[in-house]
Amino acid sequence: MNINRLLQFHEDPVVIAWWRSRLGTALAWFTPPRRRTILAVAAVYDGVRRSLREMAKADGLPVPSDWLGLASLVLALFAMLWLLYRAAVHFRSLPAVVRRHPQLSLHLLYWGSLVVLWLTAPTAGAWRELLLGMAIIFPFLIWRCGYLLLSGQYGRAASTRFADQIIPLWPAFGGSNTPYGKGLDYLSKSEAKTEDELARSQLAGIKLFILGLIWNAAMNLMERSFYGPENAIPRLSQLVVQGAQAPLLASWASIYCELVWQVLRHAAHGHMIIGTLRLFGFNVFRNTYKPLLSESVLEFWNRYYYYFKELMANFFFLPTFTQLGS
């Protein structure tokens, strides 16, 4: 069997036809509106679950802890997201300074809440507990809200529903503070509209799941082989503690091993997230794509952490470029 055909099975017409023949009824039912509804319901659940989990981790801090306080926190977070959605929909009606600097305004709003927390006593009342809870959770949402405002700035948010926007804001498919899949605009461009496109996207997602499992196994094998009880190669964190006393050869070996281990870890995690998106018909770019084959630092970051690179470009380079070119 041709190895390239095997590796690219998600592009093989024969495999796609076989997948459609086996899941024809399910693919026909799994329309874009239904897929979005499932993800929106899961996003609401994830928003509630994440909020409760973060408050449970904030042990010792004056944050909401009883059911009324936690319910108020969840409602306040969703209300804030809805208000930002309305701001994006009516972007042209916002004050001129906000229209010119939407991302700066968003971050100043967050830093303003931190100033209020700093200037008030922990015993100020339930409102401060609520504000502190929101301040703890908002860093996970801030760049996602940034993509929402960016959509409003480009005039694309007006034709969207809040139920659709909530999908990337509270991603049930996973992620970090860096939004995998960016915002709804980017997801919509890659969304499968036909059964054939959905089959192709799902097969591509299955491929990423397989790769993720392989990289996770390779990472575990590497940990046992190099970082086992015998400590054949010390972890980079151990060498940093040793400072100038660290052996030269062990230091270089640890640096390269750490690079490979971090790439495997990042790829395994990212493949699962993008794989889930592809199962739901969003055939977006993977986050990690053969970074160790890069020939430059720029290419490495584009291959290693694609969505972080996209965040840097969208929010730091492109706005500046637009202003300079106007």
Protein backbone atom coordinates (compact mmCIF):
# COMPACT_ATOMS: atom_id res chain seq x y z
CA MET A 1 0.00 0.00 0.00
CA ASN A 2 1.24 3.51 -0.87
CA ILE A 3 2.44 5.10 2.40
CA ASN A 4 1.42 8.61 1.28
CA ARG A 5 -2.08 7.38 0.50
CA LEU A 6 -2.25 5.79 3.94
CA LEU A 7 -1.10 8.95 5.70
CA GLN A 8 -3.54 11.10 3.70
CA PHE A 9 -6.51 8.77 4.08
CA HIS A 10 -8.79 11.69 4.88
CA GLU A 11 -8.24 12.99 1.33
CA ASP A 12 -8.79 9.61 -0.36
CA PRO A 13 -12.09 9.61 -2.33
CA VAL A 14 -12.48 5.88 -1.69
CA VAL A 15 -12.20 6.33 2.09
CA ILE A 16 -14.53 9.34 2.01
CA ALA A 17 -17.10 7.35 0.03
CA TRP A 18 -16.78 4.47 2.50
CA TRP A 19 -17.27 6.85 5.45
CA ARG A 20 -20.36 8.35 3.82
CA SER A 21 -21.81 4.92 3.11
CA ARG A 22 -21.44 3.93 6.75
CA LEU A 23 -22.63 7.22 8.28
CA GLY A 24 -24.91 8.54 5.56
CA THR A 25 -27.97 9.02 7.77
CA ALA A 26 -25.94 10.53 10.62
CA LEU A 27 -24.13 12.91 8.27
CA ALA A 28 -27.42 14.03 6.77
CA TRP A 29 -28.82 14.73 10.26
CA PHE A 30 -25.63 16.44 11.48
CA THR A 31 -26.38 19.72 9.67
CA PRO A 32 -24.49 22.97 10.45
CA PRO A 33 -27.35 24.41 12.59
CA ARG A 34 -27.58 21.23 14.64
CA ARG A 35 -23.82 21.02 15.08
CA ARG A 36 -23.75 24.62 16.27
CA THR A 37 -26.62 24.01 18.67
CA ILE A 38 -24.79 21.06 20.25
CA LEU A 39 -21.61 23.11 20.62
CA ALA A 40 -23.54 26.10 22.03
CA VAL A 41 -25.21 23.95 24.70
CA ALA A 42 -21.84 22.38 25.51
CA ALA A 43 -20.30 25.88 25.70
CA VAL A 44 -22.85 26.99 28.29
CA TYR A 45 -22.13 23.86 30.31
CA ASP A 46 -18.38 24.45 30.03
CA GLY A 47 -18.80 28.08 31.11
CA VAL A 48 -20.64 27.02 34.25
CA ARG A 49 -18.24 24.15 34.98
CA ARG A 50 -15.12 26.26 34.44
CA SER A 51 -16.45 29.06 36.65
CA LEU A 52 -17.22 26.69 39.51
CA ARG A 53 -13.86 24.97 39.14
CA GLU A 54 -11.90 28.23 39.18
CA MET A 55 -13.73 29.39 42.30
CA ALA A 56 -13.00 26.05 44.00
CA LYS A 57 -9.29 26.53 43.20
CA ALA A 58 -9.30 30.07 44.66
CA ASP A 59 -9.10 28.65 48.16
CA GLY A 60 -8.61 31.34 50.78
CA LEU A 61 -9.57 34.25 48.50
CA PRO A 62 -12.74 36.29 49.08
CA VAL A 63 -14.64 34.93 46.08
CA PRO A 64 -18.25 33.66 45.80
CA SER A 65 -18.57 30.30 47.54
CA ASP A 66 -22.25 29.75 48.33
CA TRP A 67 -24.76 28.73 45.67
CA LEU A 68 -26.26 32.22 45.39
CA GLY A 69 -22.86 33.84 44.92
CA LEU A 70 -21.74 31.24 42.38
CA ALA A 71 -24.99 31.55 40.44
CA SER A 72 -24.57 35.34 40.42
CA LEU A 73 -21.02 34.95 39.13
CA VAL A 74 -22.07 32.70 36.26
CA LEU A 75 -24.92 35.03 35.32
CA ALA A 76 -22.61 38.06 35.50
CA LEU A 77 -20.06 36.41 33.21
CA PHE A 78 -22.65 35.49 30.60
CA ALA A 79 -24.23 38.94 30.89
CA MET A 80 -20.82 40.53 30.28
CA LEU A 81 -20.28 38.34 27.20
CA TRP A 82 -23.73 39.26 25.91
CA LEU A 83 -23.00 42.97 26.37
CA LEU A 84 -19.73 42.59 24.47
CA TYR A 85 -21.62 40.75 21.75
CA ARG A 86 -24.10 43.62 21.52
CA ALA A 87 -21.19 46.06 21.39
CA ALA A 88 -19.73 44.09 18.46
CA VAL A 89 -23.10 44.00 16.67
CA HIS A 90 -23.52 47.77 17.08
CA PHE A 91 -19.83 48.54 16.71
CA ARG A 92 -20.43 51.67 14.60
CA SER A 93 -22.47 53.16 17.45
CA LEU A 94 -19.69 52.87 20.00
CA PRO A 95 -17.69 55.94 21.09
CA ALA A 96 -15.02 56.94 18.58
CA VAL A 97 -12.14 56.16 20.93
CA VAL A 98 -13.48 52.61 21.45
CA ARG A 99 -13.94 52.11 17.69
CA ARG A 100 -10.34 53.18 17.08
CA HIS A 101 -8.89 51.09 19.91
CA PRO A 102 -11.31 48.24 20.73
CA GLN A 103 -8.66 45.88 22.07
CA LEU A 104 -7.02 48.54 24.21
CA SER A 105 -10.45 49.51 25.57
CA LEU A 106 -11.18 45.90 26.44
CA HIS A 107 -7.91 45.47 28.31
CA LEU A 108 -8.27 48.82 30.08
CA LEU A 109 -11.68 47.65 31.28
CA TYR A 110 -10.06 44.59 32.81
CA TRP A 111 -7.18 46.51 34.37
CA GLY A 112 -9.68 49.02 35.72
CA SER A 113 -11.43 46.21 37.58
CA LEU A 114 -8.08 45.20 39.07
CA VAL A 115 -7.51 48.78 40.26
CA VAL A 116 -10.93 48.75 41.95
CA LEU A 117 -10.06 45.47 43.68
CA TRP A 118 -6.71 46.89 44.78
CA LEU A 119 -8.28 50.04 46.24
CA THR A 120 -11.06 48.26 48.17
CA ALA A 121 -10.92 46.10 51.26
CA PRO A 122 -11.51 42.32 50.99
CA THR A 123 -14.47 42.79 53.33
CA ALA A 124 -16.16 45.38 51.08
CA GLY A 125 -19.09 43.07 50.38
CA ALA A 126 -20.61 40.60 47.96
CA TRP A 127 -20.06 42.91 44.97
CA ARG A 128 -16.30 42.75 45.49
CA GLU A 129 -16.37 38.96 45.73
CA LEU A 130 -18.26 38.91 42.45
CA LEU A 131 -15.79 41.30 40.81
CA LEU A 132 -12.82 39.26 42.05
CA GLY A 133 -14.37 36.06 40.69
CA MET A 134 -14.84 37.68 37.30
CA ALA A 135 -11.29 39.03 37.34
CA ILE A 136 -9.94 35.51 37.98
CA ILE A 137 -11.85 33.98 35.06
CA PHE A 138 -11.66 36.83 32.53
CA PRO A 139 -8.04 36.20 31.39
CA PHE A 140 -9.34 32.98 29.79
CA LEU A 141 -11.97 35.01 27.91
CA ILE A 142 -10.16 38.24 27.09
CA TRP A 143 -8.58 37.25 23.75
CA ARG A 144 -11.77 35.44 22.73
CA CYS A 145 -13.67 38.65 23.42
CA GLY A 146 -10.97 40.39 21.40
CA TYR A 147 -11.83 38.27 18.35
CA LEU A 148 -15.51 39.11 18.92
CA LEU A 149 -14.78 42.86 18.87
CA LEU A 150 -12.52 42.37 15.86
CA SER A 151 -15.50 40.79 14.08
CA GLY A 152 -17.56 43.83 14.99
CA GLN A 153 -14.82 46.15 13.74
CA TYR A 154 -14.90 44.39 10.36
CA GLY A 155 -18.71 44.56 10.26
CA ARG A 156 -19.24 40.80 10.42
CA ALA A 157 -20.76 40.40 13.88
CA ALA A 158 -24.09 42.01 12.96
CA SER A 159 -25.22 38.93 11.02
CA THR A 160 -24.37 36.46 13.81
CA ARG A 161 -26.31 35.12 16.78
CA PHE A 162 -25.11 35.18 20.37
CA ALA A 163 -25.75 31.42 20.50
CA ASP A 164 -23.14 30.99 17.74
CA GLN A 165 -20.67 33.45 19.25
CA ILE A 166 -20.75 31.61 22.57
CA ILE A 167 -19.15 28.57 20.88
CA PRO A 168 -15.62 30.08 20.63
CA LEU A 169 -16.09 32.22 23.77
CA TRP A 170 -16.61 29.19 26.05
CA PRO A 171 -15.02 26.43 23.92
CA ALA A 172 -16.30 23.04 25.04
CA PHE A 173 -13.68 21.52 22.71
CA GLY A 174 -10.92 22.70 25.04
CA GLY A 175 -8.09 25.18 24.89
CA SER A 176 -5.98 27.59 26.88
CA ASN A 177 -5.97 31.37 27.20
CA THR A 178 -4.90 31.33 23.54
CA PRO A 179 -8.06 30.74 21.45
CA TYR A 180 -7.68 27.63 19.31
CA GLY A 181 -9.76 28.18 16.18
CA LYS A 182 -9.76 31.94 16.84
CA GLY A 183 -13.25 33.44 16.63
CA LEU A 184 -16.51 32.64 14.87
CA ASP A 185 -15.41 34.38 11.66
CA TYR A 186 -12.50 32.01 11.20
CA LEU A 187 -14.54 28.96 12.17
CA SER A 188 -17.33 29.85 9.74
CA LYS A 189 -14.92 30.09 6.82
CA SER A 190 -13.85 26.49 7.40
CA GLU A 191 -17.27 25.06 8.22
CA ALA A 192 -18.46 22.04 6.23
CA LYS A 193 -21.63 22.82 4.30
CA THR A 194 -22.16 19.48 2.52
CA GLU A 195 -22.06 15.84 3.61
CA ASP A 196 -18.92 15.30 1.55
CA GLU A 197 -17.15 18.23 3.26
CA LEU A 198 -18.29 16.99 6.66
CA ALA A 199 -17.00 13.47 5.96
CA ARG A 200 -13.65 14.89 4.86
CA SER A 201 -13.45 17.10 7.96
CA GLN A 202 -14.32 14.25 10.33
CA LEU A 203 -11.73 11.94 8.78
CA ALA A 204 -9.15 14.72 9.15
CA GLY A 205 -10.17 15.00 12.80
CA ILE A 206 -9.76 11.26 13.32
CA LYS A 207 -6.28 11.51 11.83
CA LEU A 208 -5.38 14.17 14.41
CA PHE A 209 -6.76 12.02 17.23
CA ILE A 210 -4.52 9.16 16.08
CA LEU A 211 -1.50 11.46 15.84
CA GLY A 212 -2.29 12.91 19.26
CA LEU A 213 -2.32 9.44 20.82
CA ILE A 214 0.96 8.57 19.09
CA TRP A 215 2.67 11.76 20.27
CA ASN A 216 1.36 11.26 23.79
CA ALA A 217 2.76 7.72 23.82
CA ALA A 218 6.08 9.00 22.46
CA MET A 219 6.19 11.65 25.18
CA ASN A 220 5.58 9.06 27.89
CA LEU A 221 8.24 6.79 26.41
CA MET A 222 10.69 9.67 26.35
CA GLU A 223 9.96 10.48 29.99
CA ARG A 224 10.66 6.89 31.03
CA SER A 225 13.77 6.56 28.85
CA PHE A 226 15.49 9.87 29.54
CA TYR A 227 13.86 11.26 32.67
CA GLY A 228 13.37 8.01 34.57
CA PRO A 229 14.55 7.10 38.08
CA GLU A 230 18.14 6.84 36.89
CA ASN A 231 17.86 10.44 35.62
CA ALA A 232 20.03 9.79 32.57
CA ILE A 233 19.39 13.33 31.40
CA PRO A 234 18.37 15.94 34.00
CA ARG A 235 15.29 18.07 33.37
CA LEU A 236 15.94 21.62 32.29
CA SER A 237 14.40 22.95 35.51
CA GLN A 238 17.01 21.01 37.51
CA LEU A 239 19.84 22.50 35.47
CA VAL A 240 18.53 26.03 35.99
CA VAL A 241 18.73 25.49 39.75
CA GLN A 242 22.34 24.30 39.40
CA GLY A 243 23.25 27.40 37.43
CA ALA A 244 26.90 27.60 36.38
CA GLN A 245 27.63 24.30 38.14
CA ALA A 246 25.55 22.33 35.58
CA PRO A 247 27.61 19.99 33.34
CA LEU A 248 28.04 21.36 29.82
CA LEU A 249 27.16 18.21 27.85
CA ALA A 250 24.21 17.39 30.11
CA SER A 251 22.96 20.96 29.69
CA TRP A 252 22.96 20.80 25.88
CA ALA A 253 21.39 17.34 25.90
CA SER A 254 18.70 18.55 28.29
CA ILE A 255 17.91 21.59 26.14
CA TYR A 256 17.35 19.51 23.02
CA CYS A 257 15.40 16.83 24.87
CA GLU A 258 13.22 19.50 26.44
CA LEU A 259 12.56 20.97 22.99
CA VAL A 260 11.42 17.61 21.62
CA TRP A 261 9.36 16.85 24.74
CA GLN A 262 7.59 20.23 24.65
CA VAL A 263 6.80 19.81 20.95
CA LEU A 264 5.32 16.36 21.61
CA ARG A 265 3.30 17.62 24.56
CA HIS A 266 1.99 20.64 22.69
CA ALA A 267 1.15 18.62 19.58
CA ALA A 268 -0.66 15.89 21.53
CA HIS A 269 -2.80 18.47 23.34
CA GLY A 270 -3.50 20.64 20.30
CA HIS A 271 -4.37 17.73 18.02
CA MET A 272 -7.15 16.66 20.38
CA ILE A 273 -8.66 20.16 20.38
CA ILE A 274 -8.48 20.68 16.61
CA GLY A 275 -9.55 17.08 16.07
CA THR A 276 -12.74 17.77 18.03
CA LEU A 277 -13.42 20.90 15.99
CA ARG A 278 -13.00 18.92 12.79
CA LEU A 279 -15.43 16.26 13.99
CA PHE A 280 -18.01 19.05 14.23
CA GLY A 281 -17.27 20.17 10.69
CA PHE A 282 -14.81 23.01 11.30
CA ASN A 283 -11.87 21.89 9.18
CA VAL A 284 -9.45 24.49 10.57
CA PHE A 285 -5.66 24.44 10.55
CA ARG A 286 -3.96 22.29 13.14
CA ASN A 287 -2.09 24.14 15.88
CA THR A 288 1.17 22.19 15.47
CA TYR A 289 2.59 21.04 12.15
CA LYS A 290 6.08 19.49 12.05
CA PRO A 291 7.85 22.32 13.90
CA LEU A 292 11.14 20.40 14.21
CA LEU A 293 11.48 20.59 10.41
CA SER A 294 11.47 24.41 10.51
CA GLU A 295 14.35 26.27 8.91
CA SER A 296 13.95 29.53 10.85
CA VAL A 297 12.67 30.80 14.18
CA LEU A 298 9.72 32.49 12.46
CA GLU A 299 8.74 29.28 10.71
CA PHE A 300 9.14 27.33 13.94
CA TRP A 301 6.57 29.46 15.79
CA ASN A 302 4.20 29.30 12.84
CA ARG A 303 4.43 25.50 12.93
CA TYR A 304 4.70 25.00 16.70
CA TYR A 305 1.95 27.29 18.05
CA TYR A 306 -0.05 28.48 15.06
CA TYR A 307 -2.89 30.10 17.00
CA PHE A 308 -0.55 32.01 19.30
CA LYS A 309 1.19 33.32 16.20
CA GLU A 310 -2.21 34.28 14.79
CA LEU A 311 -3.08 36.09 18.02
CA MET A 312 0.14 38.09 17.83
CA ALA A 313 -0.50 38.97 14.18
CA ASN A 314 -4.18 39.84 14.57
CA PHE A 315 -3.91 41.97 17.70
CA PHE A 316 -0.42 43.45 17.55
CA PHE A 317 0.93 43.56 13.99
CA LEU A 318 -2.12 43.90 11.73
CA PRO A 319 -3.84 46.77 13.61
CA THR A 320 -0.57 48.74 13.60
CA PHE A 321 -0.09 47.95 9.92
CA THR A 322 -3.63 49.18 9.16
CA GLN A 323 -3.06 52.45 11.00
CA LEU A 324 0.27 53.05 9.27
CA GLY A 325 -1.25 52.34 5.89
CA SER A 326 -4.26 54.64 6.36
